[in-house]
Amino acid sequence: MSDDLKFYSPRTETTVGWNRLPHWDQQGRTYLLTFRLADSVPADLLRQHRLDEAAWCALNPEPWTAEVELAHAKRFTGAIERWLDQGHGVCLLRRPECAAIIANALQHFEGQRTRLHAWVIMPNHVHVLTEILEGYSLPDLMESWKGYMARAINAHLGRSGTLWQKGYHDRLIRNWDHFRNVVRYIRDNPKKAALKPGEWIAGESARAAAVGVAA
């Protein structure tokens, strides 16, 4: 397996930003990114989830070990993912023309700022596995993507107002096993959510297609 992909390194300088959750940014690394529509999780569920997460984080202050990070992901990220897959909200991204706007925007900086490996556009959220190339930051990329997508979709639909939930979820990919697992997760997400053909679109790089089926 070629090792030109760069994964998270504890020995590399890390910039930590905050937007309710910490965002770890390392230059030239590979990430799983998830962002969702503003109405994708019912407000009452989200409110209680944030209270529970804040209490848990107070008892488990960072920096986290890999085991603690996994426990957090299973308990809190897993809950959000289950709610997303239940299809709450208007699900604007189920519309092919809106999904196409997202897909085109994801690929706009390909080879310049990003190197995409796998992505799926679900009815109310988006998963992206991508490298962020040297010289570009995670916050700047997400601001550019989400801002453009919101303006383009609102213009297309003749609507105004907030499109995305504030913030986003990101995970630095740690190694090849993690990379493979994320490719499989993205690939399986539409089936897990019981979506019909035409309700989602996805893409993979040749590397993701090969790695995703590796033992």
N, C-alpha and C. Protein backbone atom coordinates (compact mmCIF):
# COMPACT_ATOMS: atom_id res chain seq x y z
N MET A 1 0.84 -1.20 0.00
CA MET A 1 0.00 0.00 0.00
C MET A 1 0.87 1.24 0.00
N SER A 2 0.63 2.18 -0.92
CA SER A 2 1.39 3.43 -0.95
C SER A 2 1.16 4.21 0.34
N ASP A 3 2.24 4.86 0.83
CA ASP A 3 2.12 5.58 2.10
C ASP A 3 2.17 7.09 1.91
N ASP A 4 1.77 7.59 0.74
CA ASP A 4 1.85 9.02 0.52
C ASP A 4 0.74 9.79 1.22
N LEU A 5 -0.30 9.10 1.68
CA LEU A 5 -1.31 9.77 2.50
C LEU A 5 -0.72 10.07 3.87
N LYS A 6 -1.05 11.23 4.41
CA LYS A 6 -0.59 11.61 5.73
C LYS A 6 -1.74 11.51 6.72
N PHE A 7 -1.51 10.77 7.80
CA PHE A 7 -2.51 10.60 8.83
C PHE A 7 -2.12 11.42 10.07
N TYR A 8 -3.03 11.44 11.03
CA TYR A 8 -2.78 12.17 12.28
C TYR A 8 -1.47 11.73 12.91
N SER A 9 -0.71 12.70 13.36
CA SER A 9 0.55 12.42 14.06
C SER A 9 0.60 13.21 15.35
N PRO A 10 0.81 12.53 16.49
CA PRO A 10 0.93 13.26 17.76
C PRO A 10 2.19 14.10 17.83
N ARG A 11 3.13 13.89 16.90
CA ARG A 11 4.39 14.63 16.91
C ARG A 11 4.35 15.87 16.01
N THR A 12 3.21 16.07 15.33
CA THR A 12 3.08 17.19 14.40
C THR A 12 2.28 18.31 15.05
N GLU A 13 2.63 19.55 14.75
CA GLU A 13 1.92 20.70 15.31
C GLU A 13 0.43 20.63 14.97
N THR A 14 -0.39 20.85 15.97
CA THR A 14 -1.84 20.78 15.82
C THR A 14 -2.46 22.10 16.25
N THR A 15 -3.29 22.65 15.38
CA THR A 15 -4.06 23.84 15.73
C THR A 15 -5.44 23.39 16.18
N VAL A 16 -5.85 23.82 17.36
CA VAL A 16 -7.15 23.43 17.90
C VAL A 16 -8.06 24.65 17.91
N GLY A 17 -9.12 24.60 17.08
CA GLY A 17 -10.13 25.65 17.06
C GLY A 17 -11.39 25.17 17.74
N TRP A 18 -12.27 26.11 18.07
CA TRP A 18 -13.50 25.77 18.79
C TRP A 18 -14.70 26.37 18.09
N ASN A 19 -15.74 25.54 17.93
CA ASN A 19 -17.06 25.99 17.51
C ASN A 19 -18.03 25.03 18.17
N ARG A 20 -18.16 25.19 19.49
CA ARG A 20 -18.87 24.27 20.40
C ARG A 20 -18.07 23.01 20.64
N LEU A 21 -17.49 22.39 19.60
CA LEU A 21 -16.62 21.23 19.74
C LEU A 21 -15.22 21.59 19.26
N PRO A 22 -14.19 20.91 19.78
CA PRO A 22 -12.84 21.19 19.29
C PRO A 22 -12.64 20.66 17.87
N HIS A 23 -11.88 21.41 17.07
CA HIS A 23 -11.52 20.99 15.71
C HIS A 23 -10.00 20.96 15.62
N TRP A 24 -9.46 19.76 15.43
CA TRP A 24 -8.02 19.59 15.36
C TRP A 24 -7.58 19.71 13.91
N ASP A 25 -6.66 20.63 13.67
CA ASP A 25 -6.23 20.92 12.30
C ASP A 25 -4.73 20.67 12.19
N GLN A 26 -4.34 19.72 11.32
CA GLN A 26 -2.95 19.48 10.99
C GLN A 26 -2.77 19.63 9.49
N GLN A 27 -1.71 20.29 9.08
CA GLN A 27 -1.48 20.56 7.68
C GLN A 27 -1.30 19.27 6.88
N GLY A 28 -1.98 19.22 5.72
CA GLY A 28 -1.79 18.12 4.78
C GLY A 28 -2.34 16.79 5.21
N ARG A 29 -3.30 16.77 6.14
CA ARG A 29 -3.81 15.51 6.69
C ARG A 29 -5.15 15.12 6.04
N THR A 30 -5.62 13.93 6.43
CA THR A 30 -6.85 13.36 5.89
C THR A 30 -7.92 13.36 6.96
N TYR A 31 -9.14 13.71 6.57
CA TYR A 31 -10.23 13.91 7.52
C TYR A 31 -11.50 13.21 7.07
N LEU A 32 -12.31 12.82 8.05
CA LEU A 32 -13.73 12.56 7.83
C LEU A 32 -14.47 13.80 8.30
N LEU A 33 -15.25 14.40 7.41
CA LEU A 33 -16.01 15.61 7.71
C LEU A 33 -17.50 15.32 7.55
N THR A 34 -18.28 15.79 8.49
CA THR A 34 -19.73 15.63 8.43
C THR A 34 -20.38 16.98 8.72
N PHE A 35 -21.30 17.39 7.86
CA PHE A 35 -22.08 18.59 8.13
C PHE A 35 -23.52 18.32 7.73
N ARG A 36 -24.47 19.00 8.40
CA ARG A 36 -25.87 18.63 8.28
C ARG A 36 -26.77 19.85 8.19
N LEU A 37 -27.96 19.62 7.65
CA LEU A 37 -28.93 20.70 7.52
C LEU A 37 -29.43 21.15 8.89
N ALA A 38 -29.87 22.39 8.96
CA ALA A 38 -30.24 22.99 10.23
C ALA A 38 -31.40 22.28 10.91
N ASP A 39 -32.29 21.67 10.12
CA ASP A 39 -33.47 21.01 10.71
C ASP A 39 -33.32 19.49 10.77
N SER A 40 -32.08 18.99 10.69
CA SER A 40 -31.88 17.54 10.56
C SER A 40 -32.02 16.78 11.87
N VAL A 41 -31.94 17.48 13.00
CA VAL A 41 -32.13 16.84 14.31
C VAL A 41 -33.15 17.67 15.08
N PRO A 42 -34.23 17.06 15.59
CA PRO A 42 -35.23 17.82 16.35
C PRO A 42 -34.60 18.60 17.51
N ALA A 43 -35.09 19.81 17.73
CA ALA A 43 -34.48 20.72 18.70
C ALA A 43 -34.45 20.14 20.11
N ASP A 44 -35.51 19.41 20.51
CA ASP A 44 -35.53 18.87 21.87
C ASP A 44 -34.47 17.79 22.06
N LEU A 45 -34.28 16.94 21.04
CA LEU A 45 -33.25 15.92 21.12
C LEU A 45 -31.87 16.56 21.16
N LEU A 46 -31.66 17.56 20.33
CA LEU A 46 -30.36 18.21 20.26
C LEU A 46 -30.03 18.93 21.56
N ARG A 47 -31.02 19.57 22.15
CA ARG A 47 -30.79 20.30 23.41
C ARG A 47 -30.34 19.34 24.51
N GLN A 48 -31.04 18.21 24.66
CA GLN A 48 -30.66 17.24 25.70
C GLN A 48 -29.32 16.60 25.39
N HIS A 49 -29.07 16.34 24.11
CA HIS A 49 -27.79 15.76 23.70
C HIS A 49 -26.63 16.67 24.11
N ARG A 50 -26.77 17.97 23.90
CA ARG A 50 -25.70 18.91 24.24
C ARG A 50 -25.48 18.98 25.74
N LEU A 51 -26.55 18.92 26.52
CA LEU A 51 -26.41 18.92 27.97
C LEU A 51 -25.68 17.67 28.44
N ASP A 52 -26.06 16.51 27.89
CA ASP A 52 -25.42 15.25 28.28
C ASP A 52 -23.95 15.25 27.86
N GLU A 53 -23.68 15.76 26.66
CA GLU A 53 -22.30 15.77 26.18
C GLU A 53 -21.43 16.71 27.03
N ALA A 54 -21.96 17.87 27.38
CA ALA A 54 -21.21 18.80 28.21
C ALA A 54 -20.88 18.19 29.57
N ALA A 55 -21.84 17.48 30.15
CA ALA A 55 -21.60 16.84 31.44
C ALA A 55 -20.54 15.75 31.32
N TRP A 56 -20.61 14.97 30.24
CA TRP A 56 -19.63 13.91 30.00
C TRP A 56 -18.24 14.49 29.81
N CYS A 57 -18.13 15.56 29.03
CA CYS A 57 -16.83 16.18 28.76
C CYS A 57 -16.24 16.78 30.03
N ALA A 58 -17.09 17.29 30.93
CA ALA A 58 -16.59 17.83 32.19
C ALA A 58 -15.95 16.73 33.04
N LEU A 59 -16.46 15.52 32.92
CA LEU A 59 -15.90 14.39 33.66
C LEU A 59 -14.72 13.75 32.94
N ASN A 60 -14.56 14.08 31.64
CA ASN A 60 -13.49 13.49 30.82
C ASN A 60 -12.77 14.60 30.06
N PRO A 61 -12.02 15.44 30.77
CA PRO A 61 -11.38 16.58 30.11
C PRO A 61 -10.32 16.15 29.10
N GLU A 62 -10.17 16.95 28.05
CA GLU A 62 -9.13 16.69 27.05
C GLU A 62 -7.76 17.07 27.62
N PRO A 63 -6.67 16.53 27.04
CA PRO A 63 -6.63 15.71 25.82
C PRO A 63 -7.11 14.28 26.08
N TRP A 64 -7.78 13.69 25.08
CA TRP A 64 -8.32 12.35 25.20
C TRP A 64 -7.34 11.32 24.65
N THR A 65 -7.35 10.16 25.26
CA THR A 65 -6.68 9.01 24.66
C THR A 65 -7.56 8.50 23.52
N ALA A 66 -7.01 7.59 22.70
CA ALA A 66 -7.79 7.02 21.60
C ALA A 66 -9.01 6.29 22.15
N GLU A 67 -8.87 5.64 23.31
CA GLU A 67 -9.99 4.89 23.90
C GLU A 67 -11.11 5.83 24.35
N VAL A 68 -10.73 6.95 24.96
CA VAL A 68 -11.74 7.91 25.42
C VAL A 68 -12.42 8.57 24.23
N GLU A 69 -11.64 8.88 23.19
CA GLU A 69 -12.22 9.46 21.98
C GLU A 69 -13.23 8.50 21.36
N LEU A 70 -12.90 7.21 21.35
CA LEU A 70 -13.82 6.22 20.79
C LEU A 70 -15.09 6.14 21.63
N ALA A 71 -14.96 6.19 22.95
CA ALA A 71 -16.13 6.15 23.82
C ALA A 71 -17.03 7.36 23.56
N HIS A 72 -16.42 8.53 23.38
CA HIS A 72 -17.20 9.73 23.06
C HIS A 72 -17.91 9.57 21.74
N ALA A 73 -17.21 9.07 20.73
CA ALA A 73 -17.81 8.91 19.40
C ALA A 73 -18.99 7.96 19.44
N LYS A 74 -18.85 6.85 20.14
CA LYS A 74 -19.94 5.87 20.20
C LYS A 74 -21.17 6.44 20.90
N ARG A 75 -20.93 7.17 21.97
CA ARG A 75 -22.06 7.67 22.76
C ARG A 75 -22.74 8.88 22.14
N PHE A 76 -21.94 9.83 21.63
CA PHE A 76 -22.51 11.10 21.21
C PHE A 76 -22.58 11.25 19.70
N THR A 77 -21.47 11.01 19.01
CA THR A 77 -21.53 11.06 17.55
C THR A 77 -22.47 10.00 17.02
N GLY A 78 -22.44 8.82 17.62
CA GLY A 78 -23.34 7.74 17.19
C GLY A 78 -24.80 8.10 17.31
N ALA A 79 -25.16 8.82 18.38
CA ALA A 79 -26.56 9.23 18.56
C ALA A 79 -26.98 10.19 17.45
N ILE A 80 -26.13 11.17 17.14
CA ILE A 80 -26.44 12.11 16.07
C ILE A 80 -26.61 11.38 14.75
N GLU A 81 -25.72 10.44 14.46
CA GLU A 81 -25.80 9.71 13.19
C GLU A 81 -27.09 8.90 13.08
N ARG A 82 -27.52 8.31 14.17
CA ARG A 82 -28.79 7.56 14.15
C ARG A 82 -29.96 8.49 13.87
N TRP A 83 -29.96 9.67 14.48
CA TRP A 83 -31.05 10.62 14.24
C TRP A 83 -31.01 11.13 12.80
N LEU A 84 -29.82 11.38 12.27
CA LEU A 84 -29.71 11.83 10.89
C LEU A 84 -30.30 10.80 9.94
N ASP A 85 -29.98 9.55 10.18
CA ASP A 85 -30.44 8.49 9.28
C ASP A 85 -31.94 8.24 9.37
N GLN A 86 -32.59 8.79 10.40
CA GLN A 86 -34.05 8.67 10.50
C GLN A 86 -34.77 9.64 9.58
N GLY A 87 -34.02 10.57 8.98
CA GLY A 87 -34.60 11.45 7.97
C GLY A 87 -35.45 12.58 8.50
N HIS A 88 -35.03 13.17 9.62
CA HIS A 88 -35.77 14.31 10.16
C HIS A 88 -35.61 15.53 9.25
N GLY A 89 -36.55 16.44 9.35
CA GLY A 89 -36.46 17.70 8.62
C GLY A 89 -37.01 17.59 7.21
N VAL A 90 -36.87 18.70 6.47
CA VAL A 90 -37.40 18.77 5.11
C VAL A 90 -36.57 17.93 4.14
N CYS A 91 -35.30 17.69 4.48
CA CYS A 91 -34.41 16.85 3.65
C CYS A 91 -34.24 17.44 2.24
N LEU A 92 -33.82 18.69 2.19
CA LEU A 92 -33.65 19.36 0.90
C LEU A 92 -32.66 18.66 -0.02
N LEU A 93 -31.68 17.96 0.57
CA LEU A 93 -30.66 17.33 -0.27
C LEU A 93 -31.16 16.07 -0.96
N ARG A 94 -32.39 15.68 -0.66
CA ARG A 94 -33.00 14.58 -1.42
C ARG A 94 -33.32 15.03 -2.85
N ARG A 95 -33.47 16.33 -3.05
CA ARG A 95 -33.72 16.86 -4.39
C ARG A 95 -32.45 16.73 -5.23
N PRO A 96 -32.53 16.09 -6.38
CA PRO A 96 -31.32 15.87 -7.19
C PRO A 96 -30.57 17.15 -7.52
N GLU A 97 -31.30 18.24 -7.80
CA GLU A 97 -30.61 19.46 -8.18
C GLU A 97 -29.85 20.07 -7.00
N CYS A 98 -30.35 19.91 -5.78
CA CYS A 98 -29.63 20.39 -4.61
C CYS A 98 -28.41 19.51 -4.31
N ALA A 99 -28.59 18.20 -4.44
CA ALA A 99 -27.45 17.30 -4.25
C ALA A 99 -26.37 17.58 -5.27
N ALA A 100 -26.76 17.91 -6.50
CA ALA A 100 -25.78 18.21 -7.54
C ALA A 100 -24.97 19.46 -7.20
N ILE A 101 -25.61 20.45 -6.59
CA ILE A 101 -24.88 21.65 -6.15
C ILE A 101 -23.80 21.27 -5.14
N ILE A 102 -24.17 20.41 -4.20
CA ILE A 102 -23.20 19.96 -3.19
C ILE A 102 -22.06 19.20 -3.85
N ALA A 103 -22.39 18.26 -4.71
CA ALA A 103 -21.37 17.44 -5.36
C ALA A 103 -20.39 18.30 -6.16
N ASN A 104 -20.91 19.25 -6.91
CA ASN A 104 -20.04 20.12 -7.71
C ASN A 104 -19.14 20.97 -6.83
N ALA A 105 -19.69 21.46 -5.71
CA ALA A 105 -18.89 22.28 -4.81
C ALA A 105 -17.78 21.45 -4.16
N LEU A 106 -18.08 20.22 -3.76
CA LEU A 106 -17.06 19.37 -3.15
C LEU A 106 -15.88 19.16 -4.08
N GLN A 107 -16.17 19.06 -5.37
CA GLN A 107 -15.12 18.76 -6.34
C GLN A 107 -14.45 20.00 -6.94
N HIS A 108 -14.93 21.18 -6.56
CA HIS A 108 -14.44 22.41 -7.18
C HIS A 108 -12.95 22.65 -6.92
N PHE A 109 -12.49 22.34 -5.71
CA PHE A 109 -11.09 22.58 -5.35
C PHE A 109 -10.22 21.33 -5.48
N GLU A 110 -10.73 20.31 -6.15
CA GLU A 110 -10.00 19.05 -6.24
C GLU A 110 -8.63 19.27 -6.89
N GLY A 111 -7.59 18.74 -6.22
CA GLY A 111 -6.24 18.87 -6.71
C GLY A 111 -5.58 20.19 -6.38
N GLN A 112 -6.35 21.16 -5.89
CA GLN A 112 -5.81 22.46 -5.51
C GLN A 112 -5.78 22.62 -3.98
N ARG A 113 -6.95 22.38 -3.37
CA ARG A 113 -7.03 22.47 -1.91
C ARG A 113 -7.34 21.11 -1.27
N THR A 114 -7.93 20.23 -2.05
CA THR A 114 -8.38 18.94 -1.50
C THR A 114 -8.00 17.80 -2.43
N ARG A 115 -8.00 16.59 -1.85
CA ARG A 115 -7.96 15.37 -2.64
C ARG A 115 -9.02 14.45 -2.05
N LEU A 116 -10.16 14.38 -2.72
CA LEU A 116 -11.31 13.63 -2.22
C LEU A 116 -11.07 12.13 -2.37
N HIS A 117 -11.55 11.38 -1.37
CA HIS A 117 -11.45 9.92 -1.44
C HIS A 117 -12.81 9.24 -1.42
N ALA A 118 -13.74 9.76 -0.66
CA ALA A 118 -15.09 9.19 -0.65
C ALA A 118 -16.05 10.24 -0.10
N TRP A 119 -17.26 10.26 -0.64
CA TRP A 119 -18.25 11.21 -0.14
C TRP A 119 -19.64 10.67 -0.45
N VAL A 120 -20.59 11.08 0.38
CA VAL A 120 -21.98 10.72 0.15
C VAL A 120 -22.84 11.90 0.57
N ILE A 121 -23.82 12.21 -0.27
CA ILE A 121 -24.78 13.27 0.03
C ILE A 121 -26.10 12.60 0.36
N MET A 122 -26.44 12.62 1.64
CA MET A 122 -27.67 12.04 2.15
C MET A 122 -28.76 13.11 2.13
N PRO A 123 -30.02 12.74 2.39
CA PRO A 123 -31.09 13.75 2.31
C PRO A 123 -30.92 14.94 3.24
N ASN A 124 -30.28 14.74 4.40
CA ASN A 124 -30.15 15.86 5.34
C ASN A 124 -28.74 16.06 5.89
N HIS A 125 -27.74 15.36 5.32
CA HIS A 125 -26.38 15.56 5.77
C HIS A 125 -25.39 15.08 4.72
N VAL A 126 -24.12 15.40 4.94
CA VAL A 126 -23.06 15.08 3.99
C VAL A 126 -21.88 14.50 4.76
N HIS A 127 -21.30 13.40 4.24
CA HIS A 127 -20.04 12.86 4.75
C HIS A 127 -18.99 12.99 3.67
N VAL A 128 -17.79 13.43 4.05
CA VAL A 128 -16.69 13.59 3.10
C VAL A 128 -15.41 13.05 3.72
N LEU A 129 -14.73 12.17 3.01
CA LEU A 129 -13.38 11.72 3.38
C LEU A 129 -12.42 12.38 2.41
N THR A 130 -11.58 13.28 2.92
CA THR A 130 -10.72 14.06 2.03
C THR A 130 -9.40 14.41 2.69
N GLU A 131 -8.39 14.55 1.88
CA GLU A 131 -7.17 15.22 2.31
C GLU A 131 -7.38 16.72 2.14
N ILE A 132 -6.84 17.49 3.06
CA ILE A 132 -6.76 18.94 2.90
C ILE A 132 -5.29 19.24 2.63
N LEU A 133 -5.00 19.73 1.46
CA LEU A 133 -3.62 19.84 1.01
C LEU A 133 -2.86 20.92 1.75
N GLU A 134 -1.55 20.81 1.73
CA GLU A 134 -0.67 21.74 2.42
C GLU A 134 -1.00 23.18 2.02
N GLY A 135 -1.02 24.06 3.01
CA GLY A 135 -1.28 25.46 2.77
C GLY A 135 -2.72 25.87 2.98
N TYR A 136 -3.60 24.90 3.23
CA TYR A 136 -5.02 25.21 3.43
C TYR A 136 -5.46 24.63 4.77
N SER A 137 -6.41 25.30 5.40
CA SER A 137 -6.83 24.91 6.74
C SER A 137 -8.25 24.33 6.72
N LEU A 138 -8.52 23.49 7.70
CA LEU A 138 -9.85 22.91 7.86
C LEU A 138 -10.93 23.98 8.04
N PRO A 139 -10.77 24.96 8.94
CA PRO A 139 -11.85 25.96 9.09
C PRO A 139 -12.12 26.75 7.82
N ASP A 140 -11.06 27.13 7.10
CA ASP A 140 -11.26 27.91 5.88
C ASP A 140 -11.98 27.09 4.81
N LEU A 141 -11.61 25.82 4.68
CA LEU A 141 -12.27 24.97 3.70
C LEU A 141 -13.74 24.81 4.02
N MET A 142 -14.07 24.54 5.29
CA MET A 142 -15.46 24.32 5.66
C MET A 142 -16.28 25.60 5.50
N GLU A 143 -15.69 26.75 5.83
CA GLU A 143 -16.40 28.01 5.65
C GLU A 143 -16.70 28.25 4.17
N SER A 144 -15.72 27.95 3.31
CA SER A 144 -15.90 28.14 1.87
C SER A 144 -16.96 27.19 1.33
N TRP A 145 -16.86 25.91 1.65
CA TRP A 145 -17.83 24.93 1.17
C TRP A 145 -19.24 25.27 1.62
N LYS A 146 -19.43 25.40 2.92
CA LYS A 146 -20.77 25.59 3.46
C LYS A 146 -21.38 26.91 3.02
N GLY A 147 -20.55 27.96 2.97
CA GLY A 147 -21.06 29.26 2.54
C GLY A 147 -21.53 29.24 1.10
N TYR A 148 -20.71 28.69 0.21
CA TYR A 148 -21.10 28.63 -1.20
C TYR A 148 -22.34 27.75 -1.39
N MET A 149 -22.34 26.57 -0.76
CA MET A 149 -23.47 25.65 -0.92
C MET A 149 -24.77 26.30 -0.45
N ALA A 150 -24.73 26.98 0.68
CA ALA A 150 -25.94 27.63 1.21
C ALA A 150 -26.45 28.70 0.26
N ARG A 151 -25.54 29.54 -0.23
CA ARG A 151 -25.97 30.59 -1.15
C ARG A 151 -26.54 30.01 -2.44
N ALA A 152 -25.90 28.98 -2.97
CA ALA A 152 -26.34 28.41 -4.25
C ALA A 152 -27.68 27.69 -4.10
N ILE A 153 -27.86 26.94 -3.04
CA ILE A 153 -29.13 26.23 -2.84
C ILE A 153 -30.26 27.21 -2.54
N ASN A 154 -30.00 28.19 -1.69
CA ASN A 154 -31.04 29.19 -1.40
C ASN A 154 -31.45 29.93 -2.67
N ALA A 155 -30.47 30.28 -3.50
CA ALA A 155 -30.80 30.98 -4.75
C ALA A 155 -31.60 30.08 -5.67
N HIS A 156 -31.22 28.82 -5.76
CA HIS A 156 -31.94 27.88 -6.64
C HIS A 156 -33.38 27.69 -6.20
N LEU A 157 -33.59 27.62 -4.89
CA LEU A 157 -34.93 27.36 -4.36
C LEU A 157 -35.72 28.64 -4.09
N GLY A 158 -35.11 29.80 -4.27
CA GLY A 158 -35.80 31.05 -3.99
C GLY A 158 -36.13 31.21 -2.53
N ARG A 159 -35.24 30.73 -1.67
CA ARG A 159 -35.45 30.84 -0.23
C ARG A 159 -34.33 31.65 0.40
N SER A 160 -34.49 31.97 1.67
CA SER A 160 -33.45 32.67 2.41
C SER A 160 -33.36 32.04 3.79
N GLY A 161 -32.37 32.47 4.54
CA GLY A 161 -32.24 31.96 5.89
C GLY A 161 -31.17 30.89 6.01
N THR A 162 -31.07 30.32 7.20
CA THR A 162 -30.03 29.36 7.53
C THR A 162 -30.29 28.03 6.83
N LEU A 163 -29.27 27.49 6.20
CA LEU A 163 -29.38 26.17 5.59
C LEU A 163 -28.74 25.11 6.47
N TRP A 164 -27.52 25.37 6.96
CA TRP A 164 -26.75 24.36 7.68
C TRP A 164 -26.84 24.55 9.19
N GLN A 165 -26.76 23.45 9.90
CA GLN A 165 -26.51 23.50 11.34
C GLN A 165 -25.14 24.16 11.56
N LYS A 166 -25.04 25.02 12.55
CA LYS A 166 -23.78 25.68 12.85
C LYS A 166 -22.71 24.64 13.17
N GLY A 167 -21.51 24.87 12.65
CA GLY A 167 -20.41 23.98 12.93
C GLY A 167 -20.40 22.75 12.03
N TYR A 168 -19.59 21.79 12.40
CA TYR A 168 -19.42 20.56 11.64
C TYR A 168 -18.68 19.57 12.53
N HIS A 169 -18.67 18.33 12.13
CA HIS A 169 -17.94 17.31 12.88
C HIS A 169 -16.75 16.86 12.04
N ASP A 170 -15.59 16.77 12.65
CA ASP A 170 -14.40 16.33 11.92
C ASP A 170 -13.62 15.32 12.75
N ARG A 171 -12.99 14.38 12.03
CA ARG A 171 -12.08 13.44 12.68
C ARG A 171 -10.85 13.27 11.82
N LEU A 172 -9.69 13.48 12.39
CA LEU A 172 -8.45 13.18 11.70
C LEU A 172 -8.31 11.67 11.55
N ILE A 173 -7.98 11.23 10.35
CA ILE A 173 -7.81 9.80 10.11
C ILE A 173 -6.46 9.37 10.67
N ARG A 174 -6.46 8.28 11.43
CA ARG A 174 -5.27 7.89 12.20
C ARG A 174 -4.34 6.95 11.45
N ASN A 175 -4.89 6.07 10.61
CA ASN A 175 -4.06 5.07 9.95
C ASN A 175 -4.88 4.43 8.83
N TRP A 176 -4.28 3.44 8.15
CA TRP A 176 -4.96 2.81 7.02
C TRP A 176 -6.22 2.04 7.45
N ASP A 177 -6.19 1.41 8.62
CA ASP A 177 -7.39 0.72 9.09
C ASP A 177 -8.53 1.70 9.30
N HIS A 178 -8.23 2.84 9.88
CA HIS A 178 -9.24 3.87 10.08
C HIS A 178 -9.77 4.35 8.73
N PHE A 179 -8.86 4.57 7.78
CA PHE A 179 -9.25 4.98 6.43
C PHE A 179 -10.21 3.98 5.80
N ARG A 180 -9.88 2.70 5.87
CA ARG A 180 -10.75 1.66 5.30
C ARG A 180 -12.12 1.67 5.96
N ASN A 181 -12.13 1.76 7.28
CA ASN A 181 -13.41 1.74 7.99
C ASN A 181 -14.30 2.92 7.60
N VAL A 182 -13.68 4.08 7.40
CA VAL A 182 -14.46 5.26 7.02
C VAL A 182 -15.01 5.10 5.61
N VAL A 183 -14.21 4.58 4.69
CA VAL A 183 -14.71 4.34 3.33
C VAL A 183 -15.92 3.42 3.37
N ARG A 184 -15.84 2.36 4.14
CA ARG A 184 -16.95 1.42 4.24
C ARG A 184 -18.17 2.05 4.87
N TYR A 185 -17.93 2.88 5.90
CA TYR A 185 -19.06 3.57 6.55
C TYR A 185 -19.78 4.47 5.56
N ILE A 186 -19.03 5.26 4.81
CA ILE A 186 -19.64 6.16 3.83
C ILE A 186 -20.39 5.37 2.77
N ARG A 187 -19.79 4.30 2.30
CA ARG A 187 -20.41 3.48 1.26
C ARG A 187 -21.71 2.83 1.76
N ASP A 188 -21.74 2.44 3.04
CA ASP A 188 -22.89 1.72 3.58
C ASP A 188 -23.99 2.62 4.12
N ASN A 189 -23.71 3.93 4.26
CA ASN A 189 -24.66 4.83 4.90
C ASN A 189 -26.04 4.84 4.24
N PRO A 190 -26.14 4.93 2.90
CA PRO A 190 -27.48 4.93 2.29
C PRO A 190 -28.27 3.65 2.58
N LYS A 191 -27.60 2.51 2.57
CA LYS A 191 -28.28 1.25 2.87
C LYS A 191 -28.73 1.22 4.32
N LYS A 192 -27.86 1.67 5.23
CA LYS A 192 -28.21 1.68 6.64
C LYS A 192 -29.42 2.57 6.91
N ALA A 193 -29.53 3.67 6.15
CA ALA A 193 -30.65 4.58 6.31
C ALA A 193 -31.88 4.19 5.49
N ALA A 194 -31.80 3.04 4.82
CA ALA A 194 -32.91 2.50 4.02
C ALA A 194 -33.36 3.48 2.94
N LEU A 195 -32.40 4.13 2.28
CA LEU A 195 -32.73 5.05 1.20
C LEU A 195 -32.98 4.31 -0.11
N LYS A 196 -33.80 4.92 -0.93
CA LYS A 196 -34.09 4.36 -2.25
C LYS A 196 -33.15 4.98 -3.28
N PRO A 197 -32.93 4.29 -4.41
CA PRO A 197 -32.12 4.90 -5.47
C PRO A 197 -32.68 6.27 -5.87
N GLY A 198 -31.79 7.22 -6.07
CA GLY A 198 -32.21 8.57 -6.41
C GLY A 198 -32.34 9.49 -5.22
N GLU A 199 -32.28 8.93 -3.99
CA GLU A 199 -32.38 9.75 -2.79
C GLU A 199 -31.01 10.16 -2.25
N TRP A 200 -29.94 9.73 -2.89
CA TRP A 200 -28.60 10.02 -2.44
C TRP A 200 -27.66 9.92 -3.64
N ILE A 201 -26.51 10.58 -3.54
CA ILE A 201 -25.46 10.40 -4.53
C ILE A 201 -24.13 10.30 -3.80
N ALA A 202 -23.17 9.61 -4.41
CA ALA A 202 -21.89 9.37 -3.75
C ALA A 202 -20.78 9.28 -4.79
N GLY A 203 -19.56 9.32 -4.31
CA GLY A 203 -18.42 9.17 -5.19
C GLY A 203 -17.23 8.61 -4.42
N GLU A 204 -16.31 7.97 -5.14
CA GLU A 204 -15.10 7.43 -4.55
C GLU A 204 -13.93 7.63 -5.49
N SER A 205 -12.77 7.84 -4.94
CA SER A 205 -11.56 7.83 -5.74
C SER A 205 -11.17 6.38 -6.01
N ALA A 206 -10.27 6.20 -6.96
CA ALA A 206 -9.79 4.84 -7.25
C ALA A 206 -9.14 4.22 -6.02
N ARG A 207 -8.42 5.04 -5.25
CA ARG A 207 -7.78 4.52 -4.04
C ARG A 207 -8.82 4.06 -3.02
N ALA A 208 -9.87 4.84 -2.83
CA ALA A 208 -10.90 4.45 -1.88
C ALA A 208 -11.61 3.19 -2.33
N ALA A 209 -11.88 3.08 -3.63
CA ALA A 209 -12.53 1.88 -4.14
C ALA A 209 -11.70 0.64 -3.88
N ALA A 210 -10.39 0.76 -4.03
CA ALA A 210 -9.51 -0.38 -3.80
C ALA A 210 -9.32 -0.66 -2.30
N VAL A 211 -9.08 0.38 -1.53
CA VAL A 211 -8.85 0.21 -0.10
C VAL A 211 -10.11 -0.24 0.60
N GLY A 212 -11.25 0.24 0.14
CA GLY A 212 -12.51 -0.06 0.82
C GLY A 212 -12.89 -1.51 0.79
N VAL A 213 -12.36 -2.27 -0.16
CA VAL A 213 -12.71 -3.69 -0.23
C VAL A 213 -11.57 -4.56 0.26
N ALA A 214 -10.48 -3.93 0.71
CA ALA A 214 -9.34 -4.71 1.18
C ALA A 214 -9.69 -5.41 2.48
N ALA A 215 -9.04 -6.53 2.71
CA ALA A 215 -9.29 -7.28 3.95
C ALA A 215 -8.71 -6.55 5.14
